[in-house]
């Protein structure tokens, strides 16, 4: 098998307007996710994800890798296997993000919330400051447990209230009258309004 470095070198991005597009990739890689700074690929016949960063975001690689090193051994976060100039290789997590749970109607239990709180508490006890914790970087695994990914902002110095705001919204989610399945366009609209600071007063 090719090395992680060789696989990452074979990923070619192309910028179209303000959007980064995938122009080419090795056959061994299956695209499974697109983010603001990188695309995520599952290496076929393995349980490893190769996260390949855009040329404009290479400064994030070392930061995220250092955070994964700090979190090494923490059961709530993926294990990191290697990293390089433009990539990080981590565990592939079978499961659904909280965003996917809301769009498909998969129930998010109180125990899941407790596990997320514990995952963030353990990160803080390791000297980190978890930030940018949102619906797309929290997963419920196939066996019902919690995993958090995309930890690049876990050493920011400012206060991030995003997870606490989500927990406040969860109080309404638990109500009988609250729908447990929502269309993705509505969730994206809510996220947009939240970023514009137009929703927090309602929580």
Protein backbone atom coordinates (compact mmCIF):
# COMPACT_ATOMS: atom_id res chain seq x y z
CA UNK A 1 0.00 0.00 0.00
CA UNK A 2 1.13 3.55 -0.64
CA UNK A 3 2.24 5.59 2.35
CA UNK A 4 -0.06 8.25 3.79
CA UNK A 5 2.29 10.87 2.39
CA UNK A 6 2.12 9.38 -1.11
CA UNK A 7 -1.68 9.17 -0.99
CA UNK A 8 -1.97 12.77 0.19
CA UNK A 9 0.40 13.94 -2.54
CA UNK A 10 -1.95 12.43 -5.12
CA UNK A 11 -4.90 14.57 -4.03
CA UNK A 12 -5.27 17.56 -6.36
CA UNK A 13 -7.54 20.50 -5.52
CA UNK A 14 -8.84 23.15 -7.89
CA UNK A 15 -10.24 26.49 -6.77
CA UNK A 16 -13.39 27.64 -8.54
CA UNK A 17 -14.49 31.05 -7.36
CA UNK A 18 -14.64 30.84 -3.57
CA UNK A 19 -15.04 27.06 -3.57
CA UNK A 20 -12.38 24.34 -3.49
CA UNK A 21 -13.11 21.38 -5.77
CA UNK A 22 -11.49 17.95 -5.95
CA UNK A 23 -9.73 17.60 -9.31
CA UNK A 24 -8.02 14.23 -8.86
CA UNK A 25 -7.21 11.61 -6.21
CA UNK A 26 -5.65 8.16 -5.93
CA UNK A 27 -7.99 5.22 -6.51
CA UNK A 28 -7.29 4.01 -2.95
CA UNK A 29 -9.14 7.02 -1.51
CA UNK A 30 -12.92 7.38 -1.13
CA UNK A 31 -14.19 10.91 -0.50
CA UNK A 32 -16.37 10.92 2.63
CA UNK A 33 -16.40 14.53 3.80
CA UNK A 34 -15.85 18.13 2.78
CA UNK A 35 -14.91 20.85 5.24
CA UNK A 36 -13.82 24.47 5.32
CA UNK A 37 -10.12 23.60 5.37
CA UNK A 38 -9.81 20.02 4.13
CA UNK A 39 -11.46 17.02 2.49
CA UNK A 40 -11.66 13.68 4.30
CA UNK A 41 -11.02 10.39 2.52
CA UNK A 42 -11.43 6.82 3.74
CA UNK A 43 -8.52 4.66 2.67
CA UNK A 44 -10.17 1.66 1.02
CA UNK A 45 -9.86 -1.70 2.81
CA UNK A 46 -8.81 0.07 6.02
CA UNK A 47 -10.44 1.85 8.95
CA UNK A 48 -8.31 4.95 8.50
CA UNK A 49 -9.29 8.42 7.32
CA UNK A 50 -6.84 10.64 5.49
CA UNK A 51 -7.67 14.29 6.02
CA UNK A 52 -6.00 16.30 3.25
CA UNK A 53 -5.80 20.06 3.74
CA UNK A 54 -6.17 22.76 1.12
CA UNK A 55 -2.94 24.58 0.13
CA UNK A 56 -4.35 27.75 1.73
CA UNK A 57 -4.89 26.01 5.10
CA UNK A 58 -1.64 24.10 5.69
CA UNK A 59 -0.96 26.10 8.86
CA UNK A 60 -3.78 24.16 10.55
CA UNK A 61 -2.13 20.75 10.09
CA UNK A 62 0.49 21.01 12.83
CA UNK A 63 -1.97 22.59 15.24
CA UNK A 64 -4.53 19.81 14.81
CA UNK A 65 -1.85 17.13 14.97
CA UNK A 66 -0.49 18.52 18.25
CA UNK A 67 -3.99 18.47 19.72
CA UNK A 68 -4.52 14.85 18.68
CA UNK A 69 -1.22 14.02 20.37
CA UNK A 70 -2.48 15.62 23.59
CA UNK A 71 -5.74 13.64 23.29
CA UNK A 72 -3.93 10.35 22.65
CA UNK A 73 -5.59 7.60 24.69
CA UNK A 74 -8.80 9.56 25.23
CA UNK A 75 -11.63 7.19 24.16
CA UNK A 76 -13.84 10.00 22.88
CA UNK A 77 -11.49 11.11 20.10
CA UNK A 78 -9.96 9.34 17.08
CA UNK A 79 -6.44 7.97 17.30
CA UNK A 80 -3.91 9.75 15.06
CA UNK A 81 -1.53 7.49 13.13
CA UNK A 82 0.58 10.01 11.23
CA UNK A 83 0.68 13.54 9.88
CA UNK A 84 2.66 15.50 7.33
CA UNK A 85 2.78 18.80 5.50
CA UNK A 86 -0.77 18.57 4.19
CA UNK A 87 -2.42 15.58 5.88
CA UNK A 88 -3.48 13.86 9.07
CA UNK A 89 -4.28 10.13 9.27
CA UNK A 90 -6.80 9.17 11.97
CA UNK A 91 -9.34 6.47 12.87
CA UNK A 92 -12.40 6.07 10.68
CA UNK A 93 -15.51 6.33 12.87
CA UNK A 94 -18.60 4.34 11.90
CA UNK A 95 -21.61 6.38 12.92
CA UNK A 96 -23.76 9.45 12.32
CA UNK A 97 -23.09 13.08 13.16
CA UNK A 98 -25.68 14.84 15.30
CA UNK A 99 -26.61 16.76 12.14
CA UNK A 100 -27.34 13.48 10.36
CA UNK A 101 -29.28 12.21 13.39
CA UNK A 102 -31.55 15.24 13.22
CA UNK A 103 -32.15 14.89 9.47
CA UNK A 104 -32.91 11.15 9.68
CA UNK A 105 -34.81 11.11 12.97
CA UNK A 106 -32.25 9.05 14.90
CA UNK A 107 -32.84 9.87 18.57
CA UNK A 108 -30.22 11.77 20.55
CA UNK A 109 -30.53 10.66 24.16
CA UNK A 110 -29.71 12.42 27.41
CA UNK A 111 -26.90 9.89 27.90
CA UNK A 112 -25.33 11.06 24.65
CA UNK A 113 -25.30 14.63 26.01
CA UNK A 114 -23.68 13.39 29.24
CA UNK A 115 -20.98 11.60 27.21
CA UNK A 116 -20.26 14.73 25.16
CA UNK A 117 -19.91 16.74 28.37
CA UNK A 118 -17.48 14.15 29.70
CA UNK A 119 -15.45 14.16 26.47
CA UNK A 120 -15.08 17.94 26.66
CA UNK A 121 -14.28 17.82 30.38
CA UNK A 122 -11.46 15.32 29.77
CA UNK A 123 -10.08 17.55 27.02
CA UNK A 124 -10.05 20.52 29.41
CA UNK A 125 -8.28 18.43 32.03
CA UNK A 126 -5.59 17.83 29.41
CA UNK A 127 -5.04 21.59 29.16
CA UNK A 128 -7.21 22.20 26.10
CA UNK A 129 -10.03 24.68 25.53
CA UNK A 130 -12.63 22.94 23.31
CA UNK A 131 -14.09 25.35 20.76
CA UNK A 132 -16.22 25.14 17.62
CA UNK A 133 -18.12 22.09 18.91
CA UNK A 134 -21.15 21.73 16.64
CA UNK A 135 -23.58 19.21 15.13
CA UNK A 136 -21.25 18.11 12.34
CA UNK A 137 -18.22 17.20 14.46
CA UNK A 138 -19.96 15.09 17.10
CA UNK A 139 -20.77 11.50 16.11
CA UNK A 140 -22.90 8.78 17.64
CA UNK A 141 -21.10 5.55 16.79
CA UNK A 142 -22.83 2.41 15.56
CA UNK A 143 -22.57 0.98 19.09
CA UNK A 144 -24.24 4.07 20.58
CA UNK A 145 -21.26 5.95 22.00
CA UNK A 146 -19.83 9.41 21.31
CA UNK A 147 -16.80 10.49 19.28
CA UNK A 148 -15.64 14.03 18.56
CA UNK A 149 -13.63 15.01 15.47
CA UNK A 150 -12.17 18.20 13.97
CA UNK A 151 -10.30 19.41 17.04
CA UNK A 152 -8.15 22.10 15.37
CA UNK A 153 -9.69 24.86 17.49
CA UNK A 154 -9.26 23.13 20.85
CA UNK A 155 -6.42 25.46 21.89
CA UNK A 156 -8.14 28.76 21.21
CA UNK A 157 -7.93 31.20 24.09
CA UNK A 158 -11.38 32.74 23.79
CA UNK A 159 -14.60 31.46 25.34
CA UNK A 160 -16.79 29.41 23.00
CA UNK A 161 -20.43 28.99 24.08
CA UNK A 162 -21.51 26.90 21.10
CA UNK A 163 -21.86 23.58 22.95
CA UNK A 164 -23.64 25.20 25.91
CA UNK A 165 -26.07 26.83 23.48
CA UNK A 166 -26.71 23.45 21.84
CA UNK A 167 -27.43 21.95 25.25
CA UNK A 168 -29.94 24.70 25.94
CA UNK A 169 -31.62 23.92 22.62
CA UNK A 170 -31.67 20.23 23.60
CA UNK A 171 -34.13 21.08 26.40
CA UNK A 172 -36.68 21.85 23.69
CA UNK A 173 -35.70 18.80 21.61
CA UNK A 174 -36.68 16.54 24.55
CA UNK A 175 -40.20 17.97 24.67
CA UNK A 176 -42.92 15.69 23.31
CA UNK A 177 -44.14 18.37 20.89
CA UNK A 178 -40.70 18.95 19.37
CA UNK A 179 -40.09 17.10 16.07
CA UNK A 180 -37.16 14.67 16.19
CA UNK A 181 -36.55 14.91 12.44
CA UNK A 182 -35.80 18.17 10.64
CA UNK A 183 -34.89 18.94 7.00
CA UNK A 184 -31.26 19.85 6.38
CA UNK A 185 -32.17 23.20 4.82
CA UNK A 186 -33.85 24.24 8.08
CA UNK A 187 -30.85 23.20 10.18
CA UNK A 188 -28.54 25.09 7.83
CA UNK A 189 -30.76 28.16 8.12
CA UNK A 190 -30.68 27.92 11.93
CA UNK A 191 -26.87 27.61 11.83
CA UNK A 192 -26.64 30.70 9.61
CA UNK A 193 -28.83 32.75 11.95
CA UNK A 194 -26.85 31.49 14.95
CA UNK A 195 -23.57 32.65 13.41
CA UNK A 196 -25.17 36.04 12.88
CA UNK A 197 -26.03 36.06 16.62
CA UNK A 198 -29.76 36.25 15.89
CA UNK A 199 -30.87 33.11 17.79
CA UNK A 200 -29.15 33.04 21.15
CA UNK A 201 -31.69 35.36 22.71
CA UNK A 202 -34.35 32.70 22.02
CA UNK A 203 -32.52 29.86 23.78
